[in-house]
Amino acid sequence: NGIMSKQKAKAAKQVEEEAVAAVEEEEVCGPIPITKLESCGISAGDVKKLQAAGFYTVESVAFSTRKALCAIKGISEAKADKVLAEAAKLVPMGFQTATDFHKQRAEIMKVTTGSKDLDKLLEDGIETGSITEIFGEFRTGKTQLCHQLCVTCQLPVDQGGGEGKALYIDTEGTFRPQRILAIAERYGLNGEDVLDNIAYARAYNSDHQTQLLVSASAMMAESRYALLVVDSATALYRTDYHGRGELSARQMHMAVFLRTLQRIADEFGVAVVITNQVVAQVDGGAMFSADPKKPIGGNIMAHASTTRLYLRKGRNEMRICKIYDSPCLPEAEATFAINPDGIGDP
């Protein structure tokens, strides 16, 4: 009888292990929901406190500092240490070989821009999991490109899409659903469905803009998103902070906002696209440079974005996109056109 119960126990254990393995396999694709911490000895009440503070995935906890967790009401230092220790067990955060990392990079999805030339320049499109900054003066097609990506990110992967929804944070009030419908028609998609898959929010000040990212994380934890657009990331900072006296406060606030964007990109693997405005250089250096315009936001903006694209006007509907900064793309240019049905080839 003892042997029988041993065998039974062994069989039951095997079944349980297989079930656990199956569950783990399911969760490999995508972030781990924060509720998983409950099975690791963290109380349901503490998990609720973490959710209230904007932590919806185990990754978000693992990527944050002890100081940030201790700042949450009701989380003591001992609890913060325990939560971080449990999160570190679930999220791989150590070293790996460059070979493994190369394999991971090869699987990164790209979202097509709709223009063959532009896609070629960007090596297949806008990269997911990183921040792409688009800057240029007015009427260079920044917002049009954002509208285009909101549609193409919903396409199947074999058509250069991301098979996910889009989130659009608008600070300038330039989002136009009729543009989305025109672009959707070009790809043969149902306009109503495309609009349903875009979550839109208008940001009214720089604090609100940062607050919206907390809601964005909550929505991304619920369903699959492929794109987060902030158009424009810097417009509100130009008006909320004045003069040199507030420059340091502005840059600090902007750094936190951009860091949160990067965390969302790492956590959910979405493509983050931000637009930026330009400022004319009026100092002595302006005489010698052919194009005396530079993006605002200074070094903090420059270091936060992975790829920076500079758009400028060409003849008629033509626009020129130049890679201003990228870790792997050469500094080259591509020409695209803004057509009634979105971004295309000239």
C-alpha atoms as a PDB file:
ATOM      1  CA  ASN A   1       0.000   0.000   0.000  1.00  0.00           C
ATOM      2  CA  GLY A   2       2.899   2.313   0.851  1.00  0.00           C
ATOM      3  CA  ILE A   3       4.431   1.663  -2.595  1.00  0.00           C
ATOM      4  CA  MET A   4       1.081   2.413  -4.265  1.00  0.00           C
ATOM      5  CA  SER A   5       0.666   5.742  -2.494  1.00  0.00           C
ATOM      6  CA  LYS A   6       4.278   6.641  -3.373  1.00  0.00           C
ATOM      7  CA  GLN A   7       3.601   5.930  -7.050  1.00  0.00           C
ATOM      8  CA  LYS A   8       0.354   7.893  -6.840  1.00  0.00           C
ATOM      9  CA  ALA A   9       2.148  10.815  -5.228  1.00  0.00           C
ATOM     10  CA  LYS A  10       4.856  10.656  -7.901  1.00  0.00           C
ATOM     11  CA  ALA A  11       2.249  10.589 -10.693  1.00  0.00           C
ATOM     12  CA  ALA A  12       0.314  13.458  -9.094  1.00  0.00           C
ATOM     13  CA  LYS A  13       3.545  15.462  -8.756  1.00  0.00           C
ATOM     14  CA  GLN A  14       4.400  14.823 -12.422  1.00  0.00           C
ATOM     15  CA  VAL A  15       0.949  15.988 -13.536  1.00  0.00           C
ATOM     16  CA  GLU A  16       1.294  19.088 -11.368  1.00  0.00           C
ATOM     17  CA  GLU A  17       4.768  19.861 -12.810  1.00  0.00           C
ATOM     18  CA  GLU A  18       3.443  19.469 -16.366  1.00  0.00           C
ATOM     19  CA  ALA A  19       0.538  21.800 -15.564  1.00  0.00           C
ATOM     20  CA  VAL A  20       2.938  24.376 -14.099  1.00  0.00           C
ATOM     21  CA  ALA A  21       5.197  24.049 -17.160  1.00  0.00           C
ATOM     22  CA  ALA A  22       2.180  24.561 -19.450  1.00  0.00           C
ATOM     23  CA  VAL A  23       1.132  27.677 -17.528  1.00  0.00           C
ATOM     24  CA  GLU A  24       4.693  29.019 -17.612  1.00  0.00           C
ATOM     25  CA  GLU A  25       4.900  28.411 -21.372  1.00  0.00           C
ATOM     26  CA  GLU A  26       1.707  30.411 -21.845  1.00  0.00           C
ATOM     27  CA  GLU A  27       3.132  33.297 -19.866  1.00  0.00           C
ATOM     28  CA  VAL A  28       6.509  33.341 -21.622  1.00  0.00           C
ATOM     29  CA  CYS A  29       5.075  35.434 -24.430  1.00  0.00           C
ATOM     30  CA  GLY A  30       4.424  38.788 -22.819  1.00  0.00           C
ATOM     31  CA  PRO A  31       4.813  40.331 -19.389  1.00  0.00           C
ATOM     32  CA  ILE A  32       3.944  38.429 -16.194  1.00  0.00           C
ATOM     33  CA  PRO A  33       0.859  39.874 -14.425  1.00  0.00           C
ATOM     34  CA  ILE A  34       1.580  41.212 -10.940  1.00  0.00           C
ATOM     35  CA  THR A  35      -0.996  38.836  -9.409  1.00  0.00           C
ATOM     36  CA  LYS A  36       1.633  36.074  -9.952  1.00  0.00           C
ATOM     37  CA  LEU A  37       3.419  37.471  -6.877  1.00  0.00           C
ATOM     38  CA  GLU A  38       0.516  36.230  -4.709  1.00  0.00           C
ATOM     39  CA  SER A  39       1.666  32.639  -5.310  1.00  0.00           C
ATOM     40  CA  CYS A  40       5.173  33.653  -4.155  1.00  0.00           C
ATOM     41  CA  GLY A  41       4.132  34.621  -0.646  1.00  0.00           C
ATOM     42  CA  ILE A  42       3.232  38.288  -1.210  1.00  0.00           C
ATOM     43  CA  SER A  43      -0.180  39.083   0.315  1.00  0.00           C
ATOM     44  CA  ALA A  44      -3.119  40.067  -1.923  1.00  0.00           C
ATOM     45  CA  GLY A  45      -3.369  43.374  -0.038  1.00  0.00           C
ATOM     46  CA  ASP A  46       0.224  44.277  -0.911  1.00  0.00           C
ATOM     47  CA  VAL A  47      -0.340  43.344  -4.548  1.00  0.00           C
ATOM     48  CA  LYS A  48      -3.351  45.704  -4.591  1.00  0.00           C
ATOM     49  CA  LYS A  49      -1.167  48.488  -3.147  1.00  0.00           C
ATOM     50  CA  LEU A  50       1.381  47.904  -5.916  1.00  0.00           C
ATOM     51  CA  GLN A  51      -1.372  48.012  -8.565  1.00  0.00           C
ATOM     52  CA  ALA A  52      -2.730  51.256  -7.121  1.00  0.00           C
ATOM     53  CA  ALA A  53       0.764  52.745  -7.508  1.00  0.00           C
ATOM     54  CA  GLY A  54       0.886  51.779 -11.200  1.00  0.00           C
ATOM     55  CA  PHE A  55       2.735  48.440 -11.029  1.00  0.00           C
ATOM     56  CA  TYR A  56       0.728  45.966 -13.120  1.00  0.00           C
ATOM     57  CA  THR A  57       3.421  43.458 -14.103  1.00  0.00           C
ATOM     58  CA  VAL A  58       6.181  41.618 -12.280  1.00  0.00           C
ATOM     59  CA  GLU A  59       8.654  43.244 -14.696  1.00  0.00           C
ATOM     60  CA  SER A  60       7.622  46.743 -13.613  1.00  0.00           C
ATOM     61  CA  VAL A  61       8.472  45.815 -10.021  1.00  0.00           C
ATOM     62  CA  ALA A  62      11.743  44.101 -10.967  1.00  0.00           C
ATOM     63  CA  PHE A  63      12.845  47.130 -13.029  1.00  0.00           C
ATOM     64  CA  SER A  64      12.151  49.666 -10.290  1.00  0.00           C
ATOM     65  CA  THR A  65      14.316  50.749  -7.376  1.00  0.00           C
ATOM     66  CA  ARG A  66      13.873  49.940  -3.693  1.00  0.00           C
ATOM     67  CA  LYS A  67      13.346  53.656  -3.066  1.00  0.00           C
ATOM     68  CA  ALA A  68      10.397  53.739  -5.498  1.00  0.00           C
ATOM     69  CA  LEU A  69       8.732  50.769  -3.779  1.00  0.00           C
ATOM     70  CA  CYS A  70       9.280  52.208  -0.267  1.00  0.00           C
ATOM     71  CA  ALA A  71       7.518  55.391  -1.424  1.00  0.00           C
ATOM     72  CA  ILE A  72       4.265  53.415  -1.877  1.00  0.00           C
ATOM     73  CA  LYS A  73       1.923  53.865   1.081  1.00  0.00           C
ATOM     74  CA  GLY A  74       1.832  50.721   3.196  1.00  0.00           C
ATOM     75  CA  ILE A  75       4.979  49.109   1.789  1.00  0.00           C
ATOM     76  CA  SER A  76       7.727  48.938   4.422  1.00  0.00           C
ATOM     77  CA  GLU A  77      11.420  48.496   3.641  1.00  0.00           C
ATOM     78  CA  ALA A  78      11.302  44.820   4.610  1.00  0.00           C
ATOM     79  CA  LYS A  79       8.275  44.269   2.331  1.00  0.00           C
ATOM     80  CA  ALA A  80       9.963  46.138  -0.514  1.00  0.00           C
ATOM     81  CA  ASP A  81      13.012  43.867  -0.198  1.00  0.00           C
ATOM     82  CA  LYS A  82      10.824  40.766  -0.227  1.00  0.00           C
ATOM     83  CA  VAL A  83       8.833  41.930  -3.268  1.00  0.00           C
ATOM     84  CA  LEU A  84      12.038  42.748  -5.156  1.00  0.00           C
ATOM     85  CA  ALA A  85      13.572  39.381  -4.248  1.00  0.00           C
ATOM     86  CA  GLU A  86      10.487  37.485  -5.501  1.00  0.00           C
ATOM     87  CA  ALA A  87      10.274  39.578  -8.687  1.00  0.00           C
ATOM     88  CA  ALA A  88      13.978  38.955  -9.404  1.00  0.00           C
ATOM     89  CA  LYS A  89      13.318  35.183  -9.286  1.00  0.00           C
ATOM     90  CA  LEU A  90      10.641  35.470 -11.985  1.00  0.00           C
ATOM     91  CA  VAL A  91      12.347  37.981 -14.307  1.00  0.00           C
ATOM     92  CA  PRO A  92      15.759  37.100 -15.776  1.00  0.00           C
ATOM     93  CA  MET A  93      17.978  40.109 -15.050  1.00  0.00           C
ATOM     94  CA  GLY A  94      21.505  38.653 -15.062  1.00  0.00           C
ATOM     95  CA  PHE A  95      24.116  38.242 -17.769  1.00  0.00           C
ATOM     96  CA  GLN A  96      23.574  36.235 -20.953  1.00  0.00           C
ATOM     97  CA  THR A  97      25.834  35.489 -23.891  1.00  0.00           C
ATOM     98  CA  ALA A  98      25.848  37.857 -26.851  1.00  0.00           C
ATOM     99  CA  THR A  99      24.760  34.884 -28.996  1.00  0.00           C
ATOM    100  CA  ASP A 100      21.514  34.537 -27.041  1.00  0.00           C
ATOM    101  CA  PHE A 101      20.966  38.276 -27.151  1.00  0.00           C
ATOM    102  CA  HIS A 102      21.568  38.252 -30.914  1.00  0.00           C
ATOM    103  CA  LYS A 103      18.860  35.592 -31.296  1.00  0.00           C
ATOM    104  CA  GLN A 104      16.451  37.744 -29.238  1.00  0.00           C
ATOM    105  CA  ARG A 105      17.251  40.798 -31.379  1.00  0.00           C
ATOM    106  CA  ALA A 106      16.557  38.798 -34.549  1.00  0.00           C
ATOM    107  CA  GLU A 107      12.994  38.175 -33.322  1.00  0.00           C
ATOM    108  CA  ILE A 108      12.208  41.867 -32.729  1.00  0.00           C
ATOM    109  CA  MET A 109       9.195  42.970 -34.760  1.00  0.00           C
ATOM    110  CA  LYS A 110       9.255  46.058 -36.942  1.00  0.00           C
ATOM    111  CA  VAL A 111       6.219  48.182 -37.835  1.00  0.00           C
ATOM    112  CA  THR A 112       6.089  49.341 -41.448  1.00  0.00           C
ATOM    113  CA  THR A 113       5.821  53.062 -42.231  1.00  0.00           C
ATOM    114  CA  GLY A 114       3.963  52.537 -45.518  1.00  0.00           C
ATOM    115  CA  SER A 115       6.849  53.899 -47.616  1.00  0.00           C
ATOM    116  CA  LYS A 116       9.293  51.403 -49.167  1.00  0.00           C
ATOM    117  CA  ASP A 117      12.139  53.921 -49.148  1.00  0.00           C
ATOM    118  CA  LEU A 118      11.597  54.825 -45.508  1.00  0.00           C
ATOM    119  CA  ASP A 119      11.305  51.160 -44.484  1.00  0.00           C
ATOM    120  CA  LYS A 120      14.567  50.421 -46.289  1.00  0.00           C
ATOM    121  CA  LEU A 121      16.266  53.279 -44.436  1.00  0.00           C
ATOM    122  CA  LEU A 122      14.981  51.959 -41.090  1.00  0.00           C
ATOM    123  CA  GLU A 123      15.720  48.322 -42.019  1.00  0.00           C
ATOM    124  CA  ASP A 124      12.053  47.199 -42.279  1.00  0.00           C
ATOM    125  CA  GLY A 125      10.359  49.863 -40.160  1.00  0.00           C
ATOM    126  CA  ILE A 126       9.996  51.280 -36.661  1.00  0.00           C
ATOM    127  CA  GLU A 127      11.537  48.955 -34.070  1.00  0.00           C
ATOM    128  CA  THR A 128       9.434  47.634 -31.197  1.00  0.00           C
ATOM    129  CA  GLY A 129      10.805  47.647 -27.667  1.00  0.00           C
ATOM    130  CA  SER A 130      12.615  50.958 -28.060  1.00  0.00           C
ATOM    131  CA  ILE A 131      11.959  54.705 -28.329  1.00  0.00           C
ATOM    132  CA  THR A 132      11.968  56.344 -31.750  1.00  0.00           C
ATOM    133  CA  GLU A 133      11.980  60.133 -31.760  1.00  0.00           C
ATOM    134  CA  ILE A 134      10.743  62.057 -34.803  1.00  0.00           C
ATOM    135  CA  PHE A 135      11.604  65.736 -34.889  1.00  0.00           C
ATOM    136  CA  GLY A 136      11.319  68.537 -37.418  1.00  0.00           C
ATOM    137  CA  GLU A 137       9.590  71.870 -37.849  1.00  0.00           C
ATOM    138  CA  PHE A 138       5.850  72.192 -38.520  1.00  0.00           C
ATOM    139  CA  ARG A 139       4.415  70.659 -41.721  1.00  0.00           C
ATOM    140  CA  THR A 140       7.126  68.037 -42.085  1.00  0.00           C
ATOM    141  CA  GLY A 141       4.818  65.045 -41.575  1.00  0.00           C
ATOM    142  CA  LYS A 142       5.495  64.096 -37.930  1.00  0.00           C
ATOM    143  CA  THR A 143       1.822  63.734 -36.997  1.00  0.00           C
ATOM    144  CA  GLN A 144       1.001  62.086 -40.352  1.00  0.00           C
ATOM    145  CA  LEU A 145       3.637  59.426 -39.690  1.00  0.00           C
ATOM    146  CA  CYS A 146       2.132  58.820 -36.220  1.00  0.00           C
ATOM    147  CA  HIS A 147      -1.348  58.392 -37.752  1.00  0.00           C
ATOM    148  CA  GLN A 148       0.090  55.979 -40.317  1.00  0.00           C
ATOM    149  CA  LEU A 149       1.765  53.835 -37.633  1.00  0.00           C
ATOM    150  CA  CYS A 150      -1.506  53.651 -35.650  1.00  0.00           C
ATOM    151  CA  VAL A 151      -2.982  51.758 -38.602  1.00  0.00           C
ATOM    152  CA  THR A 152       0.022  49.703 -39.751  1.00  0.00           C
ATOM    153  CA  CYS A 153       0.712  48.400 -36.204  1.00  0.00           C
ATOM    154  CA  GLN A 154      -2.633  46.569 -36.439  1.00  0.00           C
ATOM    155  CA  LEU A 155      -1.669  44.683 -39.619  1.00  0.00           C
ATOM    156  CA  PRO A 156      -0.590  41.002 -39.498  1.00  0.00           C
ATOM    157  CA  VAL A 157       3.145  40.399 -38.957  1.00  0.00           C
ATOM    158  CA  ASP A 158       3.638  39.108 -42.529  1.00  0.00           C
ATOM    159  CA  GLN A 159       2.404  42.470 -43.842  1.00  0.00           C
ATOM    160  CA  GLY A 160       4.866  44.394 -41.701  1.00  0.00           C
ATOM    161  CA  GLY A 161       2.466  45.031 -38.818  1.00  0.00           C
ATOM    162  CA  GLY A 162       2.585  44.370 -35.103  1.00  0.00           C
ATOM    163  CA  GLU A 163      -0.794  42.622 -34.633  1.00  0.00           C
ATOM    164  CA  GLY A 164      -1.639  44.861 -31.713  1.00  0.00           C
ATOM    165  CA  LYS A 165      -3.598  47.928 -30.674  1.00  0.00           C
ATOM    166  CA  ALA A 166      -2.286  51.503 -30.525  1.00  0.00           C
ATOM    167  CA  LEU A 167      -2.247  54.100 -27.738  1.00  0.00           C
ATOM    168  CA  TYR A 168      -2.127  57.773 -28.718  1.00  0.00           C
ATOM    169  CA  ILE A 169      -1.308  60.567 -26.253  1.00  0.00           C
ATOM    170  CA  ASP A 170      -2.003  63.891 -27.931  1.00  0.00           C
ATOM    171  CA  THR A 171      -0.685  67.128 -26.440  1.00  0.00           C
ATOM    172  CA  GLU A 172      -1.367  69.485 -29.328  1.00  0.00           C
ATOM    173  CA  GLY A 173      -4.890  68.449 -30.313  1.00  0.00           C
ATOM    174  CA  THR A 174      -3.853  67.296 -33.790  1.00  0.00           C
ATOM    175  CA  PHE A 175      -5.280  63.755 -33.813  1.00  0.00           C
ATOM    176  CA  ARG A 176      -7.805  63.328 -36.650  1.00  0.00           C
ATOM    177  CA  PRO A 177      -9.830  60.081 -36.904  1.00  0.00           C
ATOM    178  CA  GLN A 178     -10.746  60.810 -40.549  1.00  0.00           C
ATOM    179  CA  ARG A 179      -7.043  60.446 -41.464  1.00  0.00           C
ATOM    180  CA  ILE A 180      -7.059  57.030 -39.767  1.00  0.00           C
ATOM    181  CA  LEU A 181     -10.117  55.991 -41.823  1.00  0.00           C
ATOM    182  CA  ALA A 182      -8.446  57.074 -45.087  1.00  0.00           C
ATOM    183  CA  ILE A 183      -5.286  55.082 -44.264  1.00  0.00           C
ATOM    184  CA  ALA A 184      -7.326  52.032 -43.128  1.00  0.00           C
ATOM    185  CA  GLU A 185      -9.124  52.011 -46.488  1.00  0.00           C
ATOM    186  CA  ARG A 186      -5.776  51.812 -48.302  1.00  0.00           C
ATOM    187  CA  TYR A 187      -4.932  48.589 -46.423  1.00  0.00           C
ATOM    188  CA  GLY A 188      -8.425  47.149 -46.892  1.00  0.00           C
ATOM    189  CA  LEU A 189      -9.182  47.228 -43.166  1.00  0.00           C
ATOM    190  CA  ASN A 190     -12.536  47.948 -41.560  1.00  0.00           C
ATOM    191  CA  GLY A 191     -12.389  51.601 -40.439  1.00  0.00           C
ATOM    192  CA  GLU A 192     -14.592  51.139 -37.369  1.00  0.00           C
ATOM    193  CA  ASP A 193     -12.466  48.236 -36.100  1.00  0.00           C
ATOM    194  CA  VAL A 194      -9.254  50.198 -36.659  1.00  0.00           C
ATOM    195  CA  LEU A 195     -10.612  53.154 -34.649  1.00  0.00           C
ATOM    196  CA  ASP A 196     -11.810  50.771 -31.896  1.00  0.00           C
ATOM    197  CA  ASN A 197      -8.250  49.478 -31.574  1.00  0.00           C
ATOM    198  CA  ILE A 198      -6.797  52.946 -30.963  1.00  0.00           C
ATOM    199  CA  ALA A 199      -6.958  54.311 -27.428  1.00  0.00           C
ATOM    200  CA  TYR A 200      -6.764  58.109 -27.499  1.00  0.00           C
ATOM    201  CA  ALA A 201      -6.068  60.550 -24.673  1.00  0.00           C
ATOM    202  CA  ARG A 202      -5.531  64.300 -24.701  1.00  0.00           C
ATOM    203  CA  ALA A 203      -2.860  65.529 -22.262  1.00  0.00           C
ATOM    204  CA  TYR A 204      -3.383  69.011 -20.826  1.00  0.00           C
ATOM    205  CA  ASN A 205      -0.191  69.569 -18.817  1.00  0.00           C
ATOM    206  CA  SER A 206       3.140  67.860 -18.222  1.00  0.00           C
ATOM    207  CA  ASP A 207       1.986  66.202 -14.962  1.00  0.00           C
ATOM    208  CA  HIS A 208      -1.125  64.856 -16.674  1.00  0.00           C
ATOM    209  CA  GLN A 209       1.048  63.590 -19.529  1.00  0.00           C
ATOM    210  CA  THR A 210       3.133  61.538 -17.052  1.00  0.00           C
ATOM    211  CA  GLN A 211      -0.014  60.376 -15.216  1.00  0.00           C
ATOM    212  CA  LEU A 212      -1.461  59.009 -18.469  1.00  0.00           C
ATOM    213  CA  LEU A 213       1.456  56.562 -18.685  1.00  0.00           C
ATOM    214  CA  VAL A 214       0.189  54.857 -15.517  1.00  0.00           C
ATOM    215  CA  SER A 215      -3.198  54.263 -17.196  1.00  0.00           C
ATOM    216  CA  ALA A 216      -1.325  53.140 -20.321  1.00  0.00           C
ATOM    217  CA  SER A 217       0.528  50.463 -18.314  1.00  0.00           C
ATOM    218  CA  ALA A 218      -2.775  49.230 -16.864  1.00  0.00           C
ATOM    219  CA  MET A 219      -4.309  48.929 -20.343  1.00  0.00           C
ATOM    220  CA  MET A 220      -1.241  47.196 -21.770  1.00  0.00           C
ATOM    221  CA  ALA A 221      -1.346  44.637 -18.968  1.00  0.00           C
ATOM    222  CA  GLU A 222      -4.947  43.808 -20.015  1.00  0.00           C
ATOM    223  CA  SER A 223      -4.548  43.379 -23.790  1.00  0.00           C
ATOM    224  CA  ARG A 224      -1.957  43.301 -26.567  1.00  0.00           C
ATOM    225  CA  TYR A 225      -0.658  46.697 -27.699  1.00  0.00           C
ATOM    226  CA  ALA A 226       2.002  47.202 -30.353  1.00  0.00           C
ATOM    227  CA  LEU A 227       2.448  50.983 -30.348  1.00  0.00           C
ATOM    228  CA  LEU A 228       2.491  53.968 -28.003  1.00  0.00           C
ATOM    229  CA  VAL A 229       2.564  57.415 -29.606  1.00  0.00           C
ATOM    230  CA  VAL A 230       3.221  60.687 -27.753  1.00  0.00           C
ATOM    231  CA  ASP A 231       2.640  63.626 -30.101  1.00  0.00           C
ATOM    232  CA  SER A 232       4.375  65.777 -29.011  1.00  0.00           C
ATOM    233  CA  ALA A 233       6.450  64.778 -25.990  1.00  0.00           C
ATOM    234  CA  THR A 234       7.909  68.249 -25.438  1.00  0.00           C
ATOM    235  CA  ALA A 235       5.193  70.783 -26.384  1.00  0.00           C
ATOM    236  CA  LEU A 236       3.761  71.025 -22.857  1.00  0.00           C
ATOM    237  CA  TYR A 237       7.187  71.349 -21.242  1.00  0.00           C
ATOM    238  CA  ARG A 238       7.831  74.440 -23.340  1.00  0.00           C
ATOM    239  CA  THR A 239       4.838  76.186 -21.786  1.00  0.00           C
ATOM    240  CA  ASP A 240       4.723  74.686 -18.270  1.00  0.00           C
ATOM    241  CA  TYR A 241       8.279  75.741 -17.410  1.00  0.00           C
ATOM    242  CA  HIS A 242       9.650  79.217 -18.083  1.00  0.00           C
ATOM    243  CA  GLY A 243      13.142  80.583 -18.430  1.00  0.00           C
ATOM    244  CA  ARG A 244      16.472  79.318 -17.228  1.00  0.00           C
ATOM    245  CA  GLY A 245      15.429  79.346 -13.574  1.00  0.00           C
ATOM    246  CA  GLU A 246      13.098  76.371 -14.158  1.00  0.00           C
ATOM    247  CA  LEU A 247      15.300  74.618 -16.701  1.00  0.00           C
ATOM    248  CA  SER A 248      16.688  72.068 -14.256  1.00  0.00           C
ATOM    249  CA  ALA A 249      13.188  71.234 -12.920  1.00  0.00           C
ATOM    250  CA  ARG A 250      11.909  70.858 -16.484  1.00  0.00           C
ATOM    251  CA  GLN A 251      14.728  68.511 -17.492  1.00  0.00           C
ATOM    252  CA  MET A 252      14.271  66.402 -14.360  1.00  0.00           C
ATOM    253  CA  HIS A 253      10.543  66.058 -15.005  1.00  0.00           C
ATOM    254  CA  MET A 254      11.173  65.230 -18.664  1.00  0.00           C
ATOM    255  CA  ALA A 255      13.792  62.645 -17.700  1.00  0.00           C
ATOM    256  CA  VAL A 256      11.272  60.841 -15.460  1.00  0.00           C
ATOM    257  CA  PHE A 257       8.684  60.896 -18.263  1.00  0.00           C
ATOM    258  CA  LEU A 258      11.144  59.491 -20.826  1.00  0.00           C
ATOM    259  CA  ARG A 259      12.423  56.889 -18.375  1.00  0.00           C
ATOM    260  CA  THR A 260       8.831  55.706 -17.836  1.00  0.00           C
ATOM    261  CA  LEU A 261       8.398  55.439 -21.609  1.00  0.00           C
ATOM    262  CA  GLN A 262      11.538  53.314 -21.848  1.00  0.00           C
ATOM    263  CA  ARG A 263      10.261  51.092 -19.038  1.00  0.00           C
ATOM    264  CA  ILE A 264       6.963  50.565 -20.899  1.00  0.00           C
ATOM    265  CA  ALA A 265       8.929  49.668 -24.052  1.00  0.00           C
ATOM    266  CA  ASP A 266      11.042  47.136 -22.107  1.00  0.00           C
ATOM    267  CA  GLU A 267       8.112  45.722 -20.184  1.00  0.00           C
ATOM    268  CA  PHE A 268       5.518  45.273 -22.929  1.00  0.00           C
ATOM    269  CA  GLY A 269       7.722  45.252 -26.041  1.00  0.00           C
ATOM    270  CA  VAL A 270       5.731  48.033 -27.720  1.00  0.00           C
ATOM    271  CA  ALA A 271       7.159  50.482 -30.229  1.00  0.00           C
ATOM    272  CA  VAL A 272       7.294  53.901 -28.540  1.00  0.00           C
ATOM    273  CA  VAL A 273       7.162  56.805 -30.997  1.00  0.00           C
ATOM    274  CA  ILE A 274       7.527  60.363 -29.729  1.00  0.00           C
ATOM    275  CA  THR A 275       7.568  63.565 -31.738  1.00  0.00           C
ATOM    276  CA  ASN A 276       9.679  66.558 -30.831  1.00  0.00           C
ATOM    277  CA  GLN A 277       9.784  70.186 -31.877  1.00  0.00           C
ATOM    278  CA  VAL A 278      12.798  72.157 -33.052  1.00  0.00           C
ATOM    279  CA  VAL A 279      14.405  75.407 -31.997  1.00  0.00           C
ATOM    280  CA  ALA A 280      16.386  77.764 -34.232  1.00  0.00           C
ATOM    281  CA  GLN A 281      19.999  78.293 -33.183  1.00  0.00           C
ATOM    282  CA  VAL A 282      20.658  81.993 -32.888  1.00  0.00           C
ATOM    283  CA  ASP A 283      24.179  81.827 -31.516  1.00  0.00           C
ATOM    284  CA  GLY A 284      27.427  82.147 -33.456  1.00  0.00           C
ATOM    285  CA  GLY A 285      27.385  78.514 -34.585  1.00  0.00           C
ATOM    286  CA  ALA A 286      24.245  79.117 -36.641  1.00  0.00           C
ATOM    287  CA  MET A 287      26.234  80.973 -39.341  1.00  0.00           C
ATOM    288  CA  PHE A 288      28.310  77.905 -40.159  1.00  0.00           C
ATOM    289  CA  SER A 289      25.734  75.123 -40.067  1.00  0.00           C
ATOM    290  CA  ALA A 290      23.670  74.572 -43.213  1.00  0.00           C
ATOM    291  CA  ASP A 291      20.521  73.891 -41.187  1.00  0.00           C
ATOM    292  CA  PRO A 292      20.442  75.939 -37.972  1.00  0.00           C
ATOM    293  CA  LYS A 293      17.583  73.963 -36.376  1.00  0.00           C
ATOM    294  CA  LYS A 294      18.083  71.514 -33.536  1.00  0.00           C
ATOM    295  CA  PRO A 295      15.656  69.393 -31.490  1.00  0.00           C
ATOM    296  CA  ILE A 296      14.642  70.724 -28.078  1.00  0.00           C
ATOM    297  CA  GLY A 297      14.962  68.793 -24.829  1.00  0.00           C
ATOM    298  CA  GLY A 298      18.748  68.927 -24.767  1.00  0.00           C
ATOM    299  CA  ASN A 299      20.939  65.983 -23.856  1.00  0.00           C
ATOM    300  CA  ILE A 300      18.285  64.281 -21.739  1.00  0.00           C
ATOM    301  CA  MET A 301      16.074  63.918 -24.816  1.00  0.00           C
ATOM    302  CA  ALA A 302      19.046  62.905 -26.960  1.00  0.00           C
ATOM    303  CA  HIS A 303      20.106  60.095 -24.638  1.00  0.00           C
ATOM    304  CA  ALA A 304      16.590  58.802 -23.953  1.00  0.00           C
ATOM    305  CA  SER A 305      15.614  58.036 -27.544  1.00  0.00           C
ATOM    306  CA  THR A 306      17.194  55.029 -29.235  1.00  0.00           C
ATOM    307  CA  THR A 307      16.655  56.209 -32.807  1.00  0.00           C
ATOM    308  CA  ARG A 308      16.210  59.864 -33.796  1.00  0.00           C
ATOM    309  CA  LEU A 309      14.705  60.777 -37.149  1.00  0.00           C
ATOM    310  CA  TYR A 310      14.917  64.289 -38.572  1.00  0.00           C
ATOM    311  CA  LEU A 311      12.181  65.262 -41.027  1.00  0.00           C
ATOM    312  CA  ARG A 312      12.387  68.233 -43.350  1.00  0.00           C
ATOM    313  CA  LYS A 313      10.349  69.564 -46.240  1.00  0.00           C
ATOM    314  CA  GLY A 314      11.032  68.744 -49.853  1.00  0.00           C
ATOM    315  CA  ARG A 315       9.195  69.910 -52.967  1.00  0.00           C
ATOM    316  CA  ASN A 316       5.356  69.839 -52.868  1.00  0.00           C
ATOM    317  CA  GLU A 317       4.211  66.747 -50.938  1.00  0.00           C
ATOM    318  CA  MET A 318       7.732  65.351 -50.626  1.00  0.00           C
ATOM    319  CA  ARG A 319       9.424  65.017 -47.254  1.00  0.00           C
ATOM    320  CA  ILE A 320      12.971  63.934 -46.438  1.00  0.00           C
ATOM    321  CA  CYS A 321      13.783  61.755 -43.441  1.00  0.00           C
ATOM    322  CA  LYS A 322      17.345  61.621 -42.145  1.00  0.00           C
ATOM    323  CA  ILE A 323      18.682  59.304 -39.467  1.00  0.00           C
ATOM    324  CA  TYR A 324      20.064  61.762 -36.936  1.00  0.00           C
ATOM    325  CA  ASP A 325      21.161  59.200 -34.371  1.00  0.00           C
ATOM    326  CA  SER A 326      20.909  55.415 -34.117  1.00  0.00           C
ATOM    327  CA  PRO A 327      22.969  52.638 -32.499  1.00  0.00           C
ATOM    328  CA  CYS A 328      22.952  50.498 -35.638  1.00  0.00           C
ATOM    329  CA  LEU A 329      21.614  52.408 -38.658  1.00  0.00           C
ATOM    330  CA  PRO A 330      23.947  54.470 -40.864  1.00  0.00           C
ATOM    331  CA  GLU A 331      23.350  58.217 -41.261  1.00  0.00           C
ATOM    332  CA  ALA A 332      21.417  58.248 -44.504  1.00  0.00           C
ATOM    333  CA  GLU A 333      18.316  59.859 -46.014  1.00  0.00           C
ATOM    334  CA  ALA A 334      15.083  58.666 -47.591  1.00  0.00           C
ATOM    335  CA  THR A 335      12.343  60.535 -49.412  1.00  0.00           C
ATOM    336  CA  PHE A 336       8.665  59.852 -48.814  1.00  0.00           C
ATOM    337  CA  ALA A 337       5.399  61.500 -49.789  1.00  0.00           C
ATOM    338  CA  ILE A 338       2.323  62.459 -47.776  1.00  0.00           C
ATOM    339  CA  ASN A 339      -0.612  61.225 -49.844  1.00  0.00           C
ATOM    340  CA  PRO A 340      -4.359  61.404 -49.138  1.00  0.00           C
ATOM    341  CA  ASP A 341      -4.150  57.727 -48.057  1.00  0.00           C
ATOM    342  CA  GLY A 342      -1.178  58.220 -45.739  1.00  0.00           C
ATOM    343  CA  ILE A 343       2.592  57.963 -46.058  1.00  0.00           C
ATOM    344  CA  GLY A 344       3.803  56.452 -49.312  1.00  0.00           C
ATOM    345  CA  ASP A 345       6.480  56.568 -51.978  1.00  0.00           C
ATOM    346  CA  PRO A 346       6.901  59.699 -54.114  1.00  0.00           C
END
